[in-house]
Each structure stands twice: as structure tokens, then as C-alpha cells.
Amino acid sequence: MMTDPNPASGERRGHEPLADDQQAMWPAWIPLIIFPCAAFVVRSRLAPWAFMWVLSVAIFVGCKWQTWWEERTIPGATVARSLEYLFAWPGMDAESFLDPNKKAVRGRTSEWIWALAQTAFGALLLWGISRQVTNDLPAGWVAMIGMILVLHFGTFHIVSLVWRWAGVDARPIMQAPLSATSLSDFWGRRWNLGFRQLTHRLIFLPAKTRAGLAPAILLSFLASGVIHDLVISLPAGGGYGLPTAYFVLQGLGVLVERSPWGKSVNLSAGVRGRLFALFCAAAPAFLLFHPLFVHRVIVPFLRAIGAR
């Protein structure tokens, strides 16, 4: 669910909206307004963990619709492919998914095995190892790592493999983030590309055109932080601003990496780049998934699914 600090990536390729589409883009935003509002209407009837999932899905569906609306006129795109994109693919790259002329790269056997292994290991962390941790806070962290592995690295990757086997260009939303050579590489090309594609087009590119590179980077990360505050701090009833602070720090880290000093000490490649990326992304992670969120949302959720 992150932003893209790389100004050279993610440009629109080939297909452009028709003039009529540009004059009638308002329907693209309707679900992104209605569904989150509906989630707030039922909030009082839901447990905090349930509200988190309902709000997350509402925002996801709204964003999904927005990306589809902009690309729905791609030549050759069928109704069936649109429905598959909307309901059977977690990514946000509608252009690649809908275009029947895009060439899909089928996964090798090793990729299938790796995706299945990550799913299995995530399930072990979620329903096995976290149970053995007596303290709720570390147990919650173990379980959250398990959930990320099960969903983003495991299940979503398997879905990507299935679609690519069927000839659809549905690239994995996680691209080996531990192999990132810099902080920009981590957020821009490797971590949660579904959300990155959305923020790059809707926030980064317009802001870069109007205000320049540095403000566009900070605004993109700020927007990501606000969204995470909505689905993390709001259900938890506290810790407001901490997820936003985490992403602002990421944006500042990217600017440091790209600064003359950062370039002089080579923070964008090699061992220093990897260590700087690891430090920036991991060290302040407690701000993102803060203790109130773990205690009030994650631990009750684990009990609800029999993992605690």
C-alpha cells in the first residue's frame, strides 16, 4: 500500500483516455466516496478489527474502480476481462491486465514453489508460532508478519501465477523487496506495487508537474500515511498521526538518498544503499503498527480467527 518515489517509472504507456472520458471522470470517484462512508455508517456495530477490514476493503474497492474506469476503453478489453480485473485480481495496473496484447511471463516451477512456501510459512507464523508467544505485543507482530506473508507474498503471488499462466499480464505486487538496493527501489519498484501504481498516477505525477520532484515525493508519502492512519489508528481509537509520521520519514529518507550528500556517500546502491533502506523502512516500523493497534485490533482479530 505504498508510494512511488521514482519519477521515471510508471508513466502511462500507449493508451490514453478519450476526450469524452476526460470530461466525465467523476464516476471514477463515486465508489471511493460511497463505500468508505458506508463503512463509517456501520462502524458502531462492528468490532474494531472488523471495522478495520470493512474500511480497508471499502477503500480498496473504490481505488480499484477508479483504476478500471480510467483504462476501460483500452482497445480489445472485454467485459469478461474487466470483471476479472475488478473481482479476481488484487493489483491496480488496469492497463496491463485489461490489454489483451500485453505479453504475460509465465512463472517457473521454482516461483510456484516459493509462493506456496511463503503462504505455508505465513500460516505457521499466524496460527502456530504466534500462539506460543505469551506477550500480546510481540505475538501480534509475529501474526502480522504471518498475515503479510499469507496474503501479499503468498496468496496474491499465486493468483498472479494463475493469471500469467492464462496469458494475462498480472505481475506480482511484491517484487522481492528484500533485494532492494535503495530506499527508492524498495518503495518504488518492489513493495506493494498495486498501491504504488495508484498513487504514482493520481498523486505523484500531477504534483511533480505542478510543484516539482521533492514536493511530489513528500505528498505521495503523506497521502499513503493518511490512508494508513484511517485503517490503523482510527479502528484502534488512538495513535493518530503515527502511521503518517512513518511515511513522512520514508519520504524524507528518499530525499536524503537523492540529495547531493546522499549521492556522495552512495546511498542509492551497494551495501550502503541496502543498509540505509533497511534502516529507514524497518527501524521506525513501530510507528506504523503502533502498540494500540496491536492490542485493540490485531490481538482481538487473532482471537476471532482462532490464532490466539
Protein backbone atom coordinates (compact mmCIF):
# COMPACT_ATOMS: atom_id res chain seq x y z
CA MET A 1 0.00 0.00 0.00
CA MET A 2 2.90 2.44 -0.71
CA THR A 3 4.05 5.25 -2.96
CA ASP A 4 6.49 5.52 -5.83
CA PRO A 5 9.38 7.93 -5.32
CA ASN A 6 10.81 7.13 -8.74
CA PRO A 7 9.91 9.88 -11.19
CA ALA A 8 10.92 7.86 -14.21
CA SER A 9 8.72 4.85 -13.66
CA GLY A 10 5.03 4.24 -14.06
CA GLU A 11 4.35 6.64 -16.93
CA ARG A 12 1.23 5.88 -18.93
CA ARG A 13 2.12 3.62 -21.83
CA GLY A 14 0.31 3.72 -25.13
CA HIS A 15 -3.35 4.01 -24.18
CA GLU A 16 -4.68 7.45 -23.31
CA PRO A 17 -8.21 8.32 -22.17
CA LEU A 18 -10.56 9.56 -24.86
CA ALA A 19 -11.62 13.19 -24.75
CA ASP A 20 -15.11 12.20 -23.60
CA ASP A 21 -13.57 10.22 -20.74
CA GLN A 22 -11.57 13.23 -19.63
CA GLN A 23 -14.77 15.26 -19.47
CA ALA A 24 -16.62 12.60 -17.46
CA MET A 25 -14.15 11.29 -14.89
CA TRP A 26 -16.43 11.96 -11.94
CA PRO A 27 -17.96 8.44 -12.00
CA ALA A 28 -14.48 7.09 -11.27
CA TRP A 29 -14.61 8.61 -7.79
CA ILE A 30 -18.14 7.62 -6.73
CA PRO A 31 -17.28 4.26 -5.07
CA LEU A 32 -14.25 5.81 -3.35
CA ILE A 33 -16.66 8.23 -1.67
CA ILE A 34 -19.68 6.00 -1.09
CA PHE A 35 -18.06 2.80 0.19
CA PRO A 36 -15.84 4.33 2.91
CA CYS A 37 -18.81 6.46 4.02
CA ALA A 38 -20.90 3.30 4.27
CA ALA A 39 -18.16 1.72 6.38
CA PHE A 40 -18.37 4.65 8.81
CA VAL A 41 -22.15 4.28 8.99
CA VAL A 42 -21.87 0.71 10.29
CA ARG A 43 -18.79 1.37 12.44
CA SER A 44 -20.67 1.37 15.75
CA ARG A 45 -21.97 -2.13 15.04
CA LEU A 46 -18.56 -3.62 14.34
CA ALA A 47 -15.67 -4.73 16.49
CA PRO A 48 -12.55 -2.61 15.88
CA TRP A 49 -10.87 -5.40 13.90
CA ALA A 50 -13.98 -5.88 11.76
CA PHE A 51 -14.21 -2.14 11.09
CA MET A 52 -10.56 -2.17 10.01
CA TRP A 53 -11.25 -4.85 7.41
CA VAL A 54 -14.51 -3.30 6.22
CA LEU A 55 -12.88 0.13 5.80
CA SER A 56 -9.81 -1.37 4.12
CA VAL A 57 -11.96 -3.27 1.64
CA ALA A 58 -14.12 -0.19 1.01
CA ILE A 59 -11.06 1.92 0.17
CA PHE A 60 -9.59 -0.87 -1.93
CA VAL A 61 -12.80 -1.32 -3.93
CA GLY A 62 -13.06 2.41 -4.51
CA CYS A 63 -9.47 2.60 -5.73
CA LYS A 64 -9.95 -0.49 -7.85
CA TRP A 65 -12.94 1.04 -9.60
CA GLN A 66 -11.03 4.28 -10.17
CA THR A 67 -8.18 2.49 -11.94
CA TRP A 68 -10.59 0.45 -14.06
CA TRP A 69 -12.63 3.48 -15.09
CA GLU A 70 -9.60 5.25 -16.49
CA GLU A 71 -8.50 2.24 -18.54
CA ARG A 72 -11.83 0.68 -19.52
CA THR A 73 -11.57 1.93 -23.12
CA ILE A 74 -8.37 0.05 -23.91
CA PRO A 75 -8.78 -1.48 -27.40
CA GLY A 76 -9.66 -5.14 -27.15
CA ALA A 77 -10.64 -5.08 -23.48
CA THR A 78 -13.70 -7.27 -22.93
CA VAL A 79 -16.43 -7.19 -20.33
CA ALA A 80 -15.19 -10.52 -19.01
CA ARG A 81 -11.65 -9.21 -18.59
CA SER A 82 -12.98 -6.14 -16.79
CA LEU A 83 -14.95 -8.30 -14.36
CA GLU A 84 -11.88 -10.45 -13.78
CA TYR A 85 -9.83 -7.36 -13.03
CA LEU A 86 -12.42 -5.96 -10.64
CA PHE A 87 -13.19 -9.16 -8.74
CA ALA A 88 -10.32 -11.61 -9.20
CA TRP A 89 -7.09 -9.62 -9.12
CA PRO A 90 -5.69 -7.56 -6.19
CA GLY A 91 -3.37 -5.43 -8.32
CA MET A 92 -4.06 -1.91 -9.59
CA ASP A 93 -2.35 -1.99 -13.00
CA ALA A 94 -5.54 -1.99 -15.05
CA GLU A 95 -3.71 -1.07 -18.23
CA SER A 96 -1.60 -4.23 -18.28
CA PHE A 97 -4.36 -6.53 -17.05
CA LEU A 98 -7.05 -5.33 -19.46
CA ASP A 99 -4.87 -5.10 -22.57
CA PRO A 100 -5.12 -8.44 -24.47
CA ASN A 101 -1.97 -7.58 -26.41
CA LYS A 102 0.24 -7.49 -23.32
CA LYS A 103 2.57 -10.47 -23.13
CA ALA A 104 2.50 -12.39 -19.88
CA VAL A 105 5.63 -14.03 -18.50
CA ARG A 106 4.67 -17.41 -17.08
CA GLY A 107 6.17 -18.37 -13.76
CA ARG A 108 8.73 -21.10 -13.45
CA THR A 109 8.25 -24.08 -11.18
CA SER A 110 10.58 -22.50 -8.62
CA GLU A 111 8.33 -19.42 -8.47
CA TRP A 112 5.30 -21.60 -7.75
CA ILE A 113 7.18 -23.43 -5.02
CA TRP A 114 8.39 -20.15 -3.47
CA ALA A 115 4.90 -18.66 -3.43
CA LEU A 116 3.43 -21.79 -1.83
CA ALA A 117 6.27 -21.90 0.71
CA GLN A 118 5.69 -18.30 1.75
CA THR A 119 1.98 -18.99 2.17
CA ALA A 120 2.69 -22.03 4.31
CA PHE A 121 5.30 -20.24 6.44
CA GLY A 122 2.97 -17.29 6.94
CA ALA A 123 0.22 -19.62 8.09
CA LEU A 124 2.67 -21.23 10.51
CA LEU A 125 3.54 -17.84 11.97
CA LEU A 126 -0.09 -16.77 12.15
CA TRP A 127 -1.72 -19.90 13.60
CA GLY A 128 1.26 -21.62 15.15
CA ILE A 129 4.21 -19.60 16.37
CA SER A 130 2.22 -16.55 17.47
CA ARG A 131 0.24 -18.81 19.82
CA GLN A 132 3.45 -19.74 21.62
CA VAL A 133 4.36 -16.11 22.35
CA THR A 134 2.91 -15.19 25.72
CA ASN A 135 3.11 -11.39 25.44
CA ASP A 136 0.42 -9.86 23.23
CA LEU A 137 2.61 -7.20 21.61
CA PRO A 138 5.32 -9.47 20.15
CA ALA A 139 2.67 -12.10 19.40
CA GLY A 140 0.76 -9.51 17.39
CA TRP A 141 3.87 -8.62 15.41
CA VAL A 142 4.58 -12.27 14.63
CA ALA A 143 1.00 -12.72 13.49
CA MET A 144 1.08 -9.57 11.33
CA ILE A 145 4.22 -10.81 9.58
CA GLY A 146 2.38 -14.09 9.03
CA MET A 147 -0.63 -12.30 7.54
CA ILE A 148 1.55 -10.31 5.15
CA LEU A 149 3.27 -13.49 4.03
CA VAL A 150 -0.02 -15.35 3.57
CA LEU A 151 -1.68 -12.55 1.61
CA HIS A 152 0.82 -10.31 -0.17
CA PHE A 153 3.72 -12.69 -0.67
CA GLY A 154 1.81 -15.94 -0.88
CA THR A 155 -1.81 -15.91 -2.00
CA PHE A 156 -1.55 -12.81 -4.19
CA HIS A 157 1.57 -14.22 -5.85
CA ILE A 158 -0.22 -17.48 -6.56
CA VAL A 159 -3.09 -15.54 -8.12
CA SER A 160 -0.53 -13.72 -10.28
CA LEU A 161 0.93 -17.03 -11.38
CA VAL A 162 -2.51 -18.36 -12.31
CA TRP A 163 -3.33 -15.28 -14.38
CA ARG A 164 0.03 -15.30 -16.12
CA TRP A 165 -0.40 -19.00 -16.88
CA ALA A 166 -3.70 -17.99 -18.53
CA GLY A 167 -1.89 -15.37 -20.61
CA VAL A 168 -2.86 -12.24 -18.62
CA ASP A 169 -0.16 -9.72 -17.73
CA ALA A 170 -0.72 -9.72 -13.98
CA ARG A 171 2.67 -9.14 -12.41
CA PRO A 172 3.15 -9.85 -8.67
CA ILE A 173 2.50 -6.87 -6.44
CA MET A 174 5.55 -7.78 -4.33
CA GLN A 175 8.83 -7.83 -6.23
CA ALA A 176 11.44 -9.29 -3.85
CA PRO A 177 11.55 -6.26 -1.52
CA LEU A 178 14.46 -7.70 0.48
CA SER A 179 16.55 -7.37 -2.68
CA ALA A 180 16.04 -3.60 -2.80
CA THR A 181 19.26 -1.71 -3.48
CA SER A 182 17.96 1.59 -2.10
CA LEU A 183 15.00 3.13 -0.30
CA SER A 184 13.67 4.44 -3.63
CA ASP A 185 13.98 0.98 -5.11
CA PHE A 186 12.14 -0.54 -2.13
CA TRP A 187 9.10 1.76 -2.25
CA GLY A 188 9.06 2.48 -5.97
CA ARG A 189 9.67 -0.90 -7.59
CA ARG A 190 9.30 -3.66 -5.05
CA TRP A 191 6.82 -3.12 -2.20
CA ASN A 192 3.06 -3.36 -2.81
CA LEU A 193 3.10 -2.26 -6.44
CA GLY A 194 -0.68 -2.24 -6.54
CA PHE A 195 -0.93 0.81 -4.32
CA ARG A 196 2.22 2.31 -5.79
CA GLN A 197 0.70 2.33 -9.28
CA LEU A 198 -2.35 4.16 -7.98
CA THR A 199 -0.53 6.85 -6.02
CA HIS A 200 2.04 7.36 -8.74
CA ARG A 201 -0.62 8.24 -11.29
CA LEU A 202 -3.07 10.12 -9.08
CA ILE A 203 -0.70 11.96 -6.75
CA PHE A 204 2.96 11.81 -7.74
CA LEU A 205 2.76 12.73 -11.43
CA PRO A 206 0.31 15.66 -11.04
CA ALA A 207 2.24 17.01 -8.04
CA LYS A 208 5.55 16.68 -9.85
CA THR A 209 4.18 18.65 -12.80
CA ARG A 210 2.87 21.46 -10.60
CA ALA A 211 5.37 21.65 -7.75
CA GLY A 212 8.47 19.64 -8.62
CA LEU A 213 10.06 16.37 -7.59
CA ALA A 214 10.66 16.86 -3.85
CA PRO A 215 7.12 18.09 -3.02
CA ALA A 216 5.67 15.26 -5.15
CA ILE A 217 7.66 12.67 -3.21
CA LEU A 218 6.60 14.08 0.16
CA LEU A 219 2.97 14.48 -0.87
CA SER A 220 2.82 10.88 -2.12
CA PHE A 221 4.17 9.51 1.13
CA LEU A 222 1.94 11.85 3.14
CA ALA A 223 -1.13 10.55 1.31
CA SER A 224 -0.07 6.98 1.99
CA GLY A 225 0.36 7.85 5.66
CA VAL A 226 -3.11 9.39 5.93
CA ILE A 227 -4.70 6.29 4.37
CA HIS A 228 -2.81 4.04 6.79
CA ASP A 229 -3.91 6.23 9.69
CA LEU A 230 -7.50 5.70 8.58
CA VAL A 231 -7.26 1.90 8.55
CA ILE A 232 -4.88 1.54 11.52
CA SER A 233 -5.27 4.34 14.05
CA LEU A 234 -8.97 5.01 13.55
CA PRO A 235 -10.08 1.43 14.32
CA ALA A 236 -7.64 1.40 17.25
CA GLY A 237 -9.06 4.64 18.64
CA GLY A 238 -5.60 6.09 19.21
CA GLY A 239 -2.10 6.52 17.91
CA TYR A 240 -3.31 9.13 15.46
CA GLY A 241 -0.56 10.52 13.26
CA LEU A 242 1.95 7.78 13.94
CA PRO A 243 1.46 5.92 10.61
CA THR A 244 1.54 9.27 8.82
CA ALA A 245 4.78 10.12 10.62
CA TYR A 246 6.22 6.79 9.47
CA PHE A 247 5.56 7.54 5.82
CA VAL A 248 6.75 11.14 6.08
CA LEU A 249 10.02 9.73 7.42
CA GLN A 250 10.18 7.45 4.39
CA GLY A 251 9.72 10.43 2.09
CA LEU A 252 12.45 12.35 3.91
CA GLY A 253 14.68 9.28 3.65
CA VAL A 254 14.18 9.20 -0.12
CA LEU A 255 15.07 12.90 -0.34
CA VAL A 256 18.22 12.33 1.72
CA GLU A 257 19.14 9.42 -0.56
CA ARG A 258 18.69 11.66 -3.63
CA SER A 259 20.45 14.69 -2.11
CA PRO A 260 24.00 15.66 -3.15
CA TRP A 261 25.26 14.30 0.18
CA GLY A 262 23.35 11.04 -0.27
CA LYS A 263 24.79 10.61 -3.73
CA SER A 264 28.30 11.42 -2.50
CA VAL A 265 28.15 8.60 0.08
CA ASN A 266 26.33 6.28 -2.36
CA LEU A 267 23.06 5.73 -0.50
CA SER A 268 21.31 4.62 -3.68
CA ALA A 269 23.26 1.43 -4.41
CA GLY A 270 25.56 -1.19 -2.97
CA VAL A 271 25.87 -2.16 0.67
CA ARG A 272 25.23 1.37 1.93
CA GLY A 273 22.09 1.65 -0.14
CA ARG A 274 20.75 -1.64 1.18
CA LEU A 275 21.56 -0.81 4.79
CA PHE A 276 20.06 2.68 4.50
CA ALA A 277 16.86 1.22 3.00
CA LEU A 278 16.64 -1.42 5.72
CA PHE A 279 17.21 1.11 8.48
CA CYS A 280 14.68 3.63 7.15
CA ALA A 281 11.94 1.09 6.43
CA ALA A 282 12.36 -1.15 9.49
CA ALA A 283 13.60 0.97 12.38
CA PRO A 284 10.51 3.21 12.72
CA ALA A 285 8.02 0.44 11.89
CA PHE A 286 6.65 0.67 15.45
CA LEU A 287 5.12 3.99 14.37
CA LEU A 288 3.18 2.28 11.60
CA PHE A 289 1.84 -0.68 13.57
CA HIS A 290 1.80 1.03 16.93
CA PRO A 291 1.02 -0.74 20.22
CA LEU A 292 -2.59 0.49 20.46
CA PHE A 293 -3.31 -1.02 17.06
CA VAL A 294 -1.77 -4.34 18.05
CA HIS A 295 -3.58 -4.53 21.39
CA ARG A 296 -7.00 -3.20 20.32
CA VAL A 297 -7.27 -4.52 16.75
CA ILE A 298 -4.80 -7.27 15.91
CA VAL A 299 -4.99 -9.34 19.10
CA PRO A 300 -8.84 -9.41 19.15
CA PHE A 301 -8.74 -10.34 15.45
CA LEU A 302 -6.39 -13.21 16.22
CA ARG A 303 -8.79 -14.46 18.86
CA ALA A 304 -11.67 -14.22 16.41
CA ILE A 305 -9.89 -16.43 13.85
CA GLY A 306 -8.58 -18.88 16.43
CA ALA A 307 -4.96 -17.75 16.22
CA ARG A 308 -4.63 -16.59 19.83
